[in-house]
N, C-alpha and C. Protein backbone atom coordinates (compact mmCIF):
# COMPACT_ATOMS: atom_id res chain seq x y z
N MET A 1 13.29 8.16 -6.71
CA MET A 1 13.06 8.23 -5.27
C MET A 1 13.48 9.58 -4.70
N ALA A 2 14.39 10.26 -5.37
CA ALA A 2 14.93 11.50 -4.84
C ALA A 2 13.86 12.57 -4.66
N ASP A 3 12.81 12.57 -5.55
CA ASP A 3 11.79 13.60 -5.46
C ASP A 3 10.58 13.15 -4.66
N LYS A 4 10.69 12.03 -3.98
CA LYS A 4 9.58 11.50 -3.19
C LYS A 4 9.95 11.51 -1.71
N ALA A 5 9.19 12.27 -0.91
CA ALA A 5 9.44 12.28 0.52
C ALA A 5 8.97 10.96 1.10
N ARG A 6 9.80 10.35 1.89
CA ARG A 6 9.44 9.05 2.46
C ARG A 6 8.36 9.21 3.52
N GLU A 7 7.34 8.38 3.42
CA GLU A 7 6.26 8.39 4.39
C GLU A 7 6.26 7.07 5.15
N GLU A 8 6.45 7.15 6.45
CA GLU A 8 6.49 5.94 7.27
C GLU A 8 5.13 5.25 7.29
N ARG A 9 5.16 3.94 7.42
CA ARG A 9 3.91 3.19 7.54
C ARG A 9 3.39 3.27 8.98
N LEU A 10 2.08 3.35 9.10
CA LEU A 10 1.44 3.36 10.42
C LEU A 10 1.35 1.96 11.00
N ILE A 11 1.08 1.00 10.13
CA ILE A 11 0.87 -0.38 10.54
C ILE A 11 2.03 -1.21 10.01
N VAL A 12 2.80 -1.78 10.90
CA VAL A 12 4.00 -2.51 10.50
C VAL A 12 3.99 -3.93 11.06
N GLU A 13 4.91 -4.72 10.54
CA GLU A 13 4.99 -6.12 10.91
C GLU A 13 5.72 -6.31 12.24
N THR A 14 5.71 -7.55 12.71
CA THR A 14 6.48 -7.93 13.89
C THR A 14 7.30 -9.18 13.56
N GLY A 15 8.24 -9.50 14.41
CA GLY A 15 9.01 -10.73 14.27
C GLY A 15 9.79 -10.82 12.97
N VAL A 16 9.75 -12.00 12.36
CA VAL A 16 10.50 -12.25 11.12
C VAL A 16 10.00 -11.35 10.00
N GLU A 17 8.68 -11.14 9.96
CA GLU A 17 8.12 -10.28 8.92
C GLU A 17 8.68 -8.86 9.01
N LYS A 18 8.85 -8.36 10.21
CA LYS A 18 9.43 -7.02 10.38
C LYS A 18 10.89 -6.99 9.92
N ARG A 19 11.62 -8.04 10.25
CA ARG A 19 13.02 -8.11 9.82
C ARG A 19 13.12 -8.09 8.29
N ILE A 20 12.23 -8.83 7.64
CA ILE A 20 12.22 -8.85 6.18
C ILE A 20 11.84 -7.47 5.63
N ALA A 21 10.81 -6.86 6.22
CA ALA A 21 10.37 -5.53 5.77
C ALA A 21 11.51 -4.53 5.89
N ASP A 22 12.23 -4.55 7.00
CA ASP A 22 13.32 -3.61 7.23
C ASP A 22 14.43 -3.76 6.19
N MET A 23 14.67 -4.99 5.75
CA MET A 23 15.78 -5.21 4.81
C MET A 23 15.39 -4.92 3.36
N ILE A 24 14.11 -5.07 3.02
CA ILE A 24 13.73 -4.88 1.61
C ILE A 24 13.16 -3.49 1.32
N GLU A 25 12.69 -2.78 2.34
CA GLU A 25 12.06 -1.49 2.08
C GLU A 25 13.01 -0.49 1.40
N PRO A 26 14.27 -0.37 1.86
CA PRO A 26 15.18 0.56 1.16
C PRO A 26 15.44 0.14 -0.29
N VAL A 27 15.46 -1.17 -0.54
CA VAL A 27 15.68 -1.67 -1.90
C VAL A 27 14.52 -1.25 -2.80
N LEU A 28 13.29 -1.41 -2.28
CA LEU A 28 12.12 -1.03 -3.06
C LEU A 28 12.11 0.47 -3.36
N GLU A 29 12.43 1.26 -2.36
CA GLU A 29 12.43 2.71 -2.55
C GLU A 29 13.46 3.14 -3.59
N ASP A 30 14.60 2.47 -3.60
CA ASP A 30 15.65 2.81 -4.55
C ASP A 30 15.21 2.61 -6.00
N ILE A 31 14.27 1.67 -6.23
CA ILE A 31 13.83 1.40 -7.60
C ILE A 31 12.43 1.97 -7.87
N GLY A 32 11.95 2.83 -6.94
CA GLY A 32 10.72 3.56 -7.22
C GLY A 32 9.44 2.94 -6.72
N PHE A 33 9.53 2.12 -5.67
CA PHE A 33 8.33 1.47 -5.13
C PHE A 33 8.19 1.73 -3.63
N LYS A 34 6.94 1.60 -3.15
CA LYS A 34 6.65 1.67 -1.72
C LYS A 34 6.25 0.28 -1.23
N LEU A 35 6.76 -0.09 -0.08
CA LEU A 35 6.33 -1.33 0.54
C LEU A 35 4.98 -1.11 1.19
N VAL A 36 4.06 -2.04 0.96
CA VAL A 36 2.75 -1.98 1.60
C VAL A 36 2.70 -2.97 2.76
N ARG A 37 3.07 -4.23 2.48
CA ARG A 37 2.98 -5.23 3.54
C ARG A 37 3.86 -6.42 3.23
N VAL A 38 4.36 -7.05 4.29
CA VAL A 38 5.05 -8.33 4.20
C VAL A 38 4.25 -9.33 5.02
N ASN A 39 3.99 -10.49 4.42
CA ASN A 39 3.19 -11.49 5.12
C ASN A 39 3.72 -12.89 4.85
N LEU A 40 3.93 -13.66 5.90
CA LEU A 40 4.31 -15.07 5.78
C LEU A 40 3.09 -15.92 6.07
N SER A 41 2.80 -16.85 5.16
CA SER A 41 1.64 -17.72 5.37
C SER A 41 1.99 -19.16 5.03
N GLY A 42 1.12 -20.07 5.43
CA GLY A 42 1.34 -21.50 5.18
C GLY A 42 0.91 -21.95 3.80
N GLN A 43 0.55 -20.99 2.94
CA GLN A 43 0.11 -21.32 1.59
C GLN A 43 1.26 -21.92 0.78
N ASN A 44 0.98 -23.00 0.05
CA ASN A 44 2.00 -23.69 -0.76
C ASN A 44 3.21 -24.10 0.08
N GLY A 45 2.98 -24.60 1.28
CA GLY A 45 4.06 -24.96 2.18
C GLY A 45 4.43 -23.77 3.04
N LEU A 46 5.06 -22.76 2.43
CA LEU A 46 5.34 -21.49 3.09
C LEU A 46 5.49 -20.42 2.00
N THR A 47 4.70 -19.37 2.10
CA THR A 47 4.73 -18.30 1.10
C THR A 47 5.09 -16.97 1.76
N LEU A 48 6.06 -16.29 1.17
CA LEU A 48 6.40 -14.93 1.59
C LEU A 48 5.76 -13.98 0.58
N GLN A 49 4.74 -13.26 1.04
CA GLN A 49 4.07 -12.30 0.16
C GLN A 49 4.60 -10.90 0.43
N ILE A 50 5.05 -10.25 -0.64
CA ILE A 50 5.48 -8.86 -0.57
C ILE A 50 4.50 -8.04 -1.39
N MET A 51 3.82 -7.13 -0.73
CA MET A 51 2.84 -6.28 -1.39
C MET A 51 3.47 -4.90 -1.56
N ALA A 52 3.47 -4.40 -2.79
CA ALA A 52 4.14 -3.12 -3.07
C ALA A 52 3.39 -2.37 -4.15
N GLU A 53 3.78 -1.12 -4.36
CA GLU A 53 3.18 -0.30 -5.41
C GLU A 53 4.13 0.83 -5.76
N ARG A 54 3.93 1.39 -6.94
CA ARG A 54 4.68 2.58 -7.31
C ARG A 54 4.17 3.78 -6.52
N PHE A 55 4.90 4.88 -6.57
CA PHE A 55 4.49 6.06 -5.81
C PHE A 55 3.18 6.65 -6.33
N ASP A 56 2.83 6.36 -7.58
CA ASP A 56 1.57 6.86 -8.13
C ASP A 56 0.42 5.87 -7.89
N GLY A 57 0.70 4.77 -7.19
CA GLY A 57 -0.34 3.81 -6.85
C GLY A 57 -0.52 2.68 -7.84
N THR A 58 0.21 2.70 -8.96
CA THR A 58 0.06 1.64 -9.95
C THR A 58 1.00 0.48 -9.64
N MET A 59 0.71 -0.68 -10.22
CA MET A 59 1.56 -1.85 -10.05
C MET A 59 1.21 -2.86 -11.14
N THR A 60 2.09 -3.01 -12.12
CA THR A 60 1.85 -3.91 -13.23
C THR A 60 2.51 -5.27 -12.96
N VAL A 61 2.22 -6.22 -13.83
CA VAL A 61 2.87 -7.53 -13.75
C VAL A 61 4.38 -7.38 -13.90
N GLU A 62 4.78 -6.50 -14.82
CA GLU A 62 6.21 -6.25 -15.03
C GLU A 62 6.84 -5.63 -13.78
N ASP A 63 6.10 -4.76 -13.11
CA ASP A 63 6.59 -4.16 -11.86
C ASP A 63 6.82 -5.24 -10.81
N CYS A 64 5.89 -6.18 -10.72
CA CYS A 64 6.04 -7.27 -9.75
C CYS A 64 7.30 -8.08 -10.04
N GLU A 65 7.57 -8.30 -11.31
CA GLU A 65 8.78 -9.04 -11.70
C GLU A 65 10.03 -8.25 -11.33
N ASP A 66 9.99 -6.93 -11.53
CA ASP A 66 11.14 -6.08 -11.19
C ASP A 66 11.41 -6.11 -9.69
N VAL A 67 10.35 -6.04 -8.91
CA VAL A 67 10.50 -6.08 -7.45
C VAL A 67 11.07 -7.42 -7.01
N SER A 68 10.56 -8.49 -7.59
CA SER A 68 11.05 -9.82 -7.24
C SER A 68 12.54 -9.96 -7.53
N LYS A 69 12.96 -9.46 -8.70
CA LYS A 69 14.38 -9.54 -9.07
C LYS A 69 15.25 -8.70 -8.14
N ALA A 70 14.70 -7.58 -7.66
CA ALA A 70 15.48 -6.69 -6.80
C ALA A 70 15.65 -7.23 -5.38
N VAL A 71 14.59 -7.82 -4.84
CA VAL A 71 14.65 -8.26 -3.44
C VAL A 71 15.21 -9.67 -3.27
N SER A 72 15.14 -10.50 -4.31
CA SER A 72 15.60 -11.88 -4.18
C SER A 72 17.06 -12.00 -3.74
N PRO A 73 17.99 -11.22 -4.34
CA PRO A 73 19.39 -11.32 -3.89
C PRO A 73 19.57 -10.93 -2.42
N VAL A 74 18.82 -9.93 -1.97
CA VAL A 74 18.91 -9.51 -0.57
C VAL A 74 18.42 -10.62 0.35
N LEU A 75 17.30 -11.22 -0.01
CA LEU A 75 16.75 -12.31 0.80
C LEU A 75 17.68 -13.52 0.80
N ASP A 76 18.33 -13.77 -0.34
CA ASP A 76 19.26 -14.91 -0.42
C ASP A 76 20.46 -14.70 0.49
N VAL A 77 20.98 -13.47 0.52
CA VAL A 77 22.17 -13.17 1.33
C VAL A 77 21.82 -13.15 2.82
N GLU A 78 20.75 -12.46 3.17
CA GLU A 78 20.37 -12.31 4.58
C GLU A 78 19.74 -13.58 5.14
N ASP A 79 19.06 -14.34 4.29
CA ASP A 79 18.47 -15.62 4.65
C ASP A 79 17.64 -15.54 5.95
N PRO A 80 16.57 -14.71 5.96
CA PRO A 80 15.81 -14.51 7.19
C PRO A 80 14.84 -15.64 7.53
N ILE A 81 14.58 -16.52 6.55
CA ILE A 81 13.61 -17.61 6.77
C ILE A 81 14.38 -18.93 6.78
N ASP A 82 14.16 -19.72 7.82
CA ASP A 82 15.00 -20.90 8.04
C ASP A 82 14.53 -22.15 7.30
N ARG A 83 13.61 -22.01 6.36
CA ARG A 83 13.22 -23.16 5.54
C ARG A 83 12.77 -22.68 4.16
N ALA A 84 12.52 -23.62 3.27
CA ALA A 84 12.15 -23.28 1.90
C ALA A 84 10.83 -22.52 1.87
N TYR A 85 10.75 -21.56 0.96
CA TYR A 85 9.52 -20.78 0.84
C TYR A 85 9.32 -20.34 -0.60
N HIS A 86 8.11 -19.92 -0.90
CA HIS A 86 7.76 -19.40 -2.22
C HIS A 86 7.60 -17.90 -2.11
N LEU A 87 8.26 -17.13 -2.98
CA LEU A 87 8.16 -15.68 -2.98
C LEU A 87 7.05 -15.24 -3.91
N GLU A 88 6.17 -14.42 -3.39
CA GLU A 88 5.05 -13.90 -4.18
C GLU A 88 5.03 -12.37 -4.04
N VAL A 89 5.14 -11.68 -5.16
CA VAL A 89 5.08 -10.22 -5.16
C VAL A 89 3.77 -9.80 -5.83
N SER A 90 3.04 -8.91 -5.19
CA SER A 90 1.73 -8.52 -5.72
C SER A 90 1.45 -7.04 -5.46
N SER A 91 0.41 -6.54 -6.11
CA SER A 91 -0.09 -5.19 -5.84
C SER A 91 -0.95 -5.25 -4.58
N PRO A 92 -1.30 -4.10 -4.01
CA PRO A 92 -2.16 -4.11 -2.83
C PRO A 92 -3.58 -4.58 -3.13
N GLY A 93 -3.99 -4.54 -4.40
CA GLY A 93 -5.35 -4.90 -4.76
C GLY A 93 -6.30 -3.73 -4.55
N ILE A 94 -7.53 -3.89 -5.03
CA ILE A 94 -8.50 -2.80 -4.90
C ILE A 94 -8.95 -2.66 -3.45
N ASP A 95 -9.27 -3.77 -2.80
CA ASP A 95 -9.63 -3.73 -1.37
C ASP A 95 -8.36 -3.80 -0.53
N ARG A 96 -7.57 -2.79 -0.64
CA ARG A 96 -6.19 -2.76 -0.19
C ARG A 96 -6.05 -2.57 1.32
N PRO A 97 -4.93 -3.04 1.88
CA PRO A 97 -4.59 -2.65 3.25
C PRO A 97 -4.26 -1.16 3.28
N MET A 98 -4.63 -0.50 4.33
CA MET A 98 -4.36 0.93 4.51
C MET A 98 -3.24 1.04 5.54
N VAL A 99 -2.06 1.45 5.11
CA VAL A 99 -0.90 1.42 6.02
C VAL A 99 -0.22 2.77 6.21
N ARG A 100 -0.60 3.77 5.41
CA ARG A 100 -0.02 5.10 5.54
C ARG A 100 -1.13 6.14 5.66
N LYS A 101 -0.82 7.28 6.25
CA LYS A 101 -1.82 8.34 6.38
C LYS A 101 -2.37 8.74 5.02
N SER A 102 -1.50 8.78 4.03
CA SER A 102 -1.94 9.19 2.69
C SER A 102 -2.98 8.25 2.11
N ASP A 103 -2.98 6.98 2.54
CA ASP A 103 -3.99 6.03 2.06
C ASP A 103 -5.38 6.49 2.50
N PHE A 104 -5.48 6.98 3.71
CA PHE A 104 -6.78 7.42 4.24
C PHE A 104 -7.23 8.71 3.58
N TYR A 105 -6.28 9.60 3.28
CA TYR A 105 -6.63 10.82 2.56
C TYR A 105 -7.10 10.47 1.14
N ARG A 106 -6.35 9.58 0.51
CA ARG A 106 -6.61 9.22 -0.89
C ARG A 106 -7.97 8.56 -1.06
N TRP A 107 -8.36 7.71 -0.14
CA TRP A 107 -9.59 6.93 -0.30
C TRP A 107 -10.73 7.44 0.57
N LYS A 108 -10.69 8.72 0.86
CA LYS A 108 -11.79 9.36 1.59
C LYS A 108 -13.10 9.15 0.83
N GLY A 109 -14.16 8.82 1.57
CA GLY A 109 -15.46 8.58 0.95
C GLY A 109 -15.77 7.12 0.73
N HIS A 110 -14.77 6.25 0.93
CA HIS A 110 -14.98 4.82 0.71
C HIS A 110 -15.09 4.07 2.04
N LEU A 111 -15.64 2.85 1.94
CA LEU A 111 -15.87 2.03 3.13
C LEU A 111 -14.58 1.38 3.61
N LEU A 112 -14.44 1.34 4.92
CA LEU A 112 -13.24 0.80 5.56
C LEU A 112 -13.64 -0.11 6.72
N LYS A 113 -12.86 -1.16 6.93
CA LYS A 113 -12.99 -1.92 8.17
C LYS A 113 -11.63 -1.91 8.85
N CYS A 114 -11.65 -1.79 10.16
CA CYS A 114 -10.38 -1.69 10.86
C CYS A 114 -10.48 -2.25 12.27
N GLU A 115 -9.32 -2.51 12.84
CA GLU A 115 -9.22 -2.96 14.22
C GLU A 115 -8.23 -2.05 14.94
N THR A 116 -8.44 -1.90 16.23
CA THR A 116 -7.55 -1.07 17.03
C THR A 116 -6.88 -1.91 18.12
N SER A 117 -5.77 -1.39 18.61
CA SER A 117 -5.03 -2.09 19.66
C SER A 117 -5.57 -1.77 21.04
N VAL A 118 -6.39 -0.73 21.13
CA VAL A 118 -7.00 -0.34 22.40
C VAL A 118 -8.49 -0.08 22.16
N LEU A 119 -9.27 -0.08 23.22
CA LEU A 119 -10.69 0.17 23.09
C LEU A 119 -10.96 1.62 22.70
N ILE A 120 -11.81 1.81 21.71
CA ILE A 120 -12.29 3.13 21.32
C ILE A 120 -13.81 3.09 21.51
N GLY A 121 -14.30 3.74 22.56
CA GLY A 121 -15.73 3.68 22.83
C GLY A 121 -16.24 2.27 23.05
N GLU A 122 -15.46 1.48 23.79
CA GLU A 122 -15.82 0.11 24.15
C GLU A 122 -15.73 -0.88 22.99
N ARG A 123 -15.11 -0.48 21.91
CA ARG A 123 -14.97 -1.38 20.76
C ARG A 123 -13.53 -1.39 20.25
N LYS A 124 -13.21 -2.48 19.53
CA LYS A 124 -11.92 -2.56 18.85
C LYS A 124 -12.09 -2.79 17.35
N ARG A 125 -13.30 -3.09 16.92
CA ARG A 125 -13.54 -3.32 15.50
C ARG A 125 -14.57 -2.32 14.98
N PHE A 126 -14.26 -1.76 13.80
CA PHE A 126 -15.12 -0.73 13.24
C PHE A 126 -15.27 -0.93 11.74
N ARG A 127 -16.40 -0.48 11.25
CA ARG A 127 -16.68 -0.52 9.81
C ARG A 127 -17.47 0.75 9.48
N GLY A 128 -17.03 1.47 8.45
CA GLY A 128 -17.75 2.68 8.08
C GLY A 128 -17.08 3.41 6.93
N ARG A 129 -17.71 4.50 6.53
CA ARG A 129 -17.21 5.30 5.42
C ARG A 129 -16.26 6.38 5.94
N ILE A 130 -15.13 6.53 5.27
CA ILE A 130 -14.16 7.55 5.67
C ILE A 130 -14.74 8.92 5.32
N ILE A 131 -15.00 9.74 6.34
CA ILE A 131 -15.53 11.08 6.07
C ILE A 131 -14.50 12.17 6.35
N GLU A 132 -13.44 11.82 7.07
CA GLU A 132 -12.39 12.80 7.32
C GLU A 132 -11.12 12.07 7.73
N ALA A 133 -9.99 12.67 7.38
CA ALA A 133 -8.69 12.15 7.81
C ALA A 133 -7.76 13.34 7.95
N ASP A 134 -7.09 13.43 9.09
CA ASP A 134 -6.12 14.50 9.29
C ASP A 134 -4.81 13.89 9.76
N ASN A 135 -3.94 14.69 10.30
CA ASN A 135 -2.62 14.19 10.68
C ASN A 135 -2.68 13.23 11.88
N ASP A 136 -3.77 13.28 12.64
CA ASP A 136 -3.85 12.50 13.86
C ASP A 136 -4.70 11.24 13.76
N GLY A 137 -5.71 11.25 12.89
CA GLY A 137 -6.57 10.08 12.83
C GLY A 137 -7.58 10.14 11.71
N VAL A 138 -8.49 9.16 11.70
CA VAL A 138 -9.50 9.03 10.67
C VAL A 138 -10.88 8.99 11.32
N THR A 139 -11.84 9.66 10.70
CA THR A 139 -13.22 9.67 11.20
C THR A 139 -14.10 8.87 10.26
N LEU A 140 -14.87 7.95 10.82
CA LEU A 140 -15.75 7.07 10.04
C LEU A 140 -17.21 7.38 10.34
N LEU A 141 -18.05 7.35 9.31
CA LEU A 141 -19.49 7.31 9.47
C LEU A 141 -19.84 5.83 9.51
N ARG A 142 -20.19 5.34 10.66
CA ARG A 142 -20.24 3.91 10.91
C ARG A 142 -21.43 3.21 10.26
N ASP A 143 -21.20 1.95 9.89
CA ASP A 143 -22.24 1.05 9.40
C ASP A 143 -22.81 0.27 10.57
N GLY A 144 -24.09 -0.05 10.52
CA GLY A 144 -24.69 -0.95 11.50
C GLY A 144 -24.50 -0.51 12.94
N VAL A 145 -24.76 0.74 13.21
CA VAL A 145 -24.57 1.26 14.56
C VAL A 145 -25.68 0.76 15.49
N ALA A 146 -25.29 0.26 16.65
CA ALA A 146 -26.27 -0.20 17.64
C ALA A 146 -26.98 1.00 18.28
N TYR A 147 -28.19 0.74 18.80
CA TYR A 147 -28.98 1.81 19.41
C TYR A 147 -28.19 2.47 20.55
N GLY A 148 -28.15 3.79 20.51
CA GLY A 148 -27.46 4.53 21.56
C GLY A 148 -26.01 4.82 21.27
N GLU A 149 -25.44 4.19 20.22
CA GLU A 149 -24.04 4.45 19.87
C GLU A 149 -23.96 5.61 18.88
N PRO A 150 -22.87 6.37 18.90
CA PRO A 150 -22.72 7.49 17.96
C PRO A 150 -22.54 6.99 16.53
N ASN A 151 -23.03 7.77 15.57
CA ASN A 151 -22.89 7.41 14.16
C ASN A 151 -21.46 7.58 13.66
N GLU A 152 -20.74 8.51 14.27
CA GLU A 152 -19.37 8.79 13.85
C GLU A 152 -18.38 8.38 14.95
N VAL A 153 -17.22 7.96 14.52
CA VAL A 153 -16.15 7.65 15.46
C VAL A 153 -14.83 8.14 14.86
N THR A 154 -14.00 8.75 15.69
CA THR A 154 -12.67 9.17 15.26
C THR A 154 -11.64 8.23 15.89
N ILE A 155 -10.84 7.62 15.04
CA ILE A 155 -9.85 6.64 15.49
C ILE A 155 -8.45 7.22 15.31
N PRO A 156 -7.69 7.38 16.38
CA PRO A 156 -6.31 7.88 16.24
C PRO A 156 -5.48 6.89 15.41
N PHE A 157 -4.64 7.40 14.55
CA PHE A 157 -3.77 6.53 13.76
C PHE A 157 -2.90 5.67 14.68
N SER A 158 -2.52 6.22 15.82
CA SER A 158 -1.65 5.50 16.74
C SER A 158 -2.32 4.27 17.34
N ALA A 159 -3.67 4.20 17.24
CA ALA A 159 -4.40 3.07 17.82
C ALA A 159 -4.68 1.96 16.81
N LEU A 160 -4.43 2.21 15.53
CA LEU A 160 -4.76 1.23 14.50
C LEU A 160 -3.82 0.03 14.52
N SER A 161 -4.40 -1.16 14.43
CA SER A 161 -3.59 -2.37 14.29
C SER A 161 -3.83 -3.06 12.95
N GLU A 162 -4.94 -2.73 12.30
CA GLU A 162 -5.28 -3.31 10.99
C GLU A 162 -6.32 -2.41 10.34
N ALA A 163 -6.20 -2.19 9.04
CA ALA A 163 -7.19 -1.39 8.31
C ALA A 163 -7.19 -1.82 6.85
N LYS A 164 -8.39 -1.91 6.28
CA LYS A 164 -8.51 -2.38 4.90
C LYS A 164 -9.77 -1.82 4.26
N LEU A 165 -9.67 -1.45 2.98
CA LEU A 165 -10.85 -1.00 2.26
C LEU A 165 -11.80 -2.16 2.02
N ILE A 166 -13.09 -1.85 1.95
CA ILE A 166 -14.12 -2.85 1.67
C ILE A 166 -14.48 -2.76 0.20
N LEU A 167 -14.50 -3.89 -0.49
CA LEU A 167 -14.77 -3.92 -1.92
C LEU A 167 -16.22 -3.55 -2.22
N THR A 168 -16.40 -2.51 -3.00
CA THR A 168 -17.73 -2.07 -3.44
C THR A 168 -17.64 -1.70 -4.92
N ASP A 169 -18.78 -1.60 -5.58
CA ASP A 169 -18.79 -1.18 -6.99
C ASP A 169 -18.18 0.21 -7.13
N GLU A 170 -18.49 1.06 -6.18
CA GLU A 170 -17.97 2.43 -6.18
C GLU A 170 -16.45 2.44 -6.09
N LEU A 171 -15.91 1.61 -5.22
CA LEU A 171 -14.46 1.52 -5.06
C LEU A 171 -13.80 0.99 -6.32
N ILE A 172 -14.41 -0.02 -6.92
CA ILE A 172 -13.84 -0.60 -8.15
C ILE A 172 -13.77 0.46 -9.25
N ARG A 173 -14.86 1.22 -9.42
CA ARG A 173 -14.87 2.27 -10.45
C ARG A 173 -13.79 3.31 -10.18
N GLU A 174 -13.67 3.73 -8.93
CA GLU A 174 -12.68 4.75 -8.57
C GLU A 174 -11.25 4.23 -8.76
N ALA A 175 -11.01 2.98 -8.37
CA ALA A 175 -9.67 2.40 -8.50
C ALA A 175 -9.27 2.26 -9.97
N LEU A 176 -10.20 1.84 -10.81
CA LEU A 176 -9.91 1.69 -12.23
C LEU A 176 -9.67 3.05 -12.88
N ARG A 177 -10.44 4.06 -12.47
CA ARG A 177 -10.26 5.41 -13.00
C ARG A 177 -8.89 5.96 -12.60
N ALA A 178 -8.53 5.78 -11.33
CA ALA A 178 -7.24 6.27 -10.85
C ALA A 178 -6.08 5.57 -11.56
N ASP A 179 -6.23 4.28 -11.78
CA ASP A 179 -5.18 3.51 -12.45
C ASP A 179 -5.01 3.98 -13.89
N LYS A 180 -6.13 4.24 -14.57
CA LYS A 180 -6.08 4.71 -15.95
C LYS A 180 -5.40 6.08 -16.04
N LEU A 181 -5.74 6.97 -15.10
CA LEU A 181 -5.14 8.30 -15.10
C LEU A 181 -3.63 8.22 -14.85
N ALA A 182 -3.23 7.38 -13.88
CA ALA A 182 -1.81 7.26 -13.54
C ALA A 182 -1.01 6.69 -14.71
N LYS A 183 -1.58 5.68 -15.39
CA LYS A 183 -0.88 5.08 -16.52
C LYS A 183 -0.81 6.06 -17.70
N GLY A 184 -1.87 6.86 -17.87
CA GLY A 184 -1.85 7.87 -18.93
C GLY A 184 -0.80 8.93 -18.67
N LYS A 185 -0.67 9.34 -17.42
CA LYS A 185 0.34 10.33 -17.05
C LYS A 185 1.74 9.78 -17.29
N ALA A 186 1.95 8.52 -16.90
CA ALA A 186 3.26 7.89 -17.09
C ALA A 186 3.60 7.79 -18.57
N ALA A 187 2.61 7.45 -19.40
CA ALA A 187 2.83 7.34 -20.84
C ALA A 187 3.19 8.70 -21.44
N ASN A 188 2.53 9.75 -20.99
CA ASN A 188 2.83 11.10 -21.48
C ASN A 188 4.24 11.53 -21.11
N GLU A 189 4.65 11.18 -19.87
CA GLU A 189 6.00 11.53 -19.43
C GLU A 189 7.05 10.79 -20.27
N ASN A 190 6.76 9.52 -20.59
CA ASN A 190 7.69 8.75 -21.43
C ASN A 190 7.79 9.35 -22.82
N ASP A 191 6.64 9.78 -23.36
CA ASP A 191 6.64 10.39 -24.69
C ASP A 191 7.46 11.68 -24.70
N GLU A 192 7.31 12.46 -23.62
CA GLU A 192 8.07 13.71 -23.52
C GLU A 192 9.56 13.43 -23.44
N ASP A 193 9.94 12.41 -22.66
CA ASP A 193 11.35 12.04 -22.54
C ASP A 193 11.91 11.60 -23.89
N ASN A 194 11.15 10.77 -24.60
CA ASN A 194 11.59 10.28 -25.90
C ASN A 194 11.70 11.43 -26.90
N GLY A 195 10.76 12.38 -26.80
CA GLY A 195 10.81 13.54 -27.69
C GLY A 195 12.05 14.36 -27.46
N ALA A 196 12.43 14.54 -26.20
CA ALA A 196 13.62 15.31 -25.86
C ALA A 196 14.87 14.63 -26.40
N GLU A 197 14.89 13.29 -26.30
CA GLU A 197 16.04 12.55 -26.81
C GLU A 197 16.16 12.71 -28.31
N ASP A 198 14.99 12.66 -29.01
CA ASP A 198 15.02 12.81 -30.46
C ASP A 198 15.55 14.18 -30.87
N ILE A 199 15.12 15.22 -30.13
CA ILE A 199 15.59 16.59 -30.44
C ILE A 199 17.10 16.68 -30.24
N ASP A 200 17.58 16.11 -29.12
CA ASP A 200 19.02 16.14 -28.87
C ASP A 200 19.77 15.45 -30.00
N GLY A 201 19.22 14.31 -30.43
CA GLY A 201 19.87 13.55 -31.47
C GLY A 201 19.92 14.34 -32.78
N THR A 202 18.82 15.05 -33.06
CA THR A 202 18.78 15.85 -34.31
C THR A 202 19.81 16.96 -34.27
N GLU A 203 19.95 17.59 -33.09
CA GLU A 203 20.90 18.68 -32.97
C GLU A 203 22.33 18.18 -33.16
N GLU A 204 22.60 16.99 -32.64
CA GLU A 204 23.95 16.46 -32.77
C GLU A 204 24.28 16.12 -34.19
N ASN A 205 23.24 15.71 -34.96
CA ASN A 205 23.48 15.40 -36.37
C ASN A 205 23.55 16.67 -37.19
């Protein structure tokens, strides 16, 4: 975590979900993960879903187990939920929620659907391809534009209340490629670390 600059989320929870997010986010960062979203739902009686990922965007089954083990003691001590619940830790998925500015930069060129907290050109719901993202907002080339409406719309990040990628074949291919590259890089780094340890060991002998 020391070499990763913390990036605040644009879209955050409210109520109990926010309280949970505030208590677990530092824990996740300490073990090398970013919080994506906290969600309480009525699934299986009551389910607390924690969506997270590594800083390189990957998230394995083992990572989910590590996150669960790390946050469970905190949740047990703080006890933010007043009844029994099921804890579910998952990756953001391919059609992921977009919660940080870097998400919009990273997935430029892909389809997005989003909602805003205020009217943008008489609308609050938008769907389109990300064609630009800067420090202030995201520009979409819109799908299904009504006659007389502009093809492009720029949405300030400050106005976003919900944003999510739309699942397409193109997105699936890109997500799988990115995941493969990230895992390959991680494997190479592990090999280099192991090699260094072996050299040290040889020198000591």
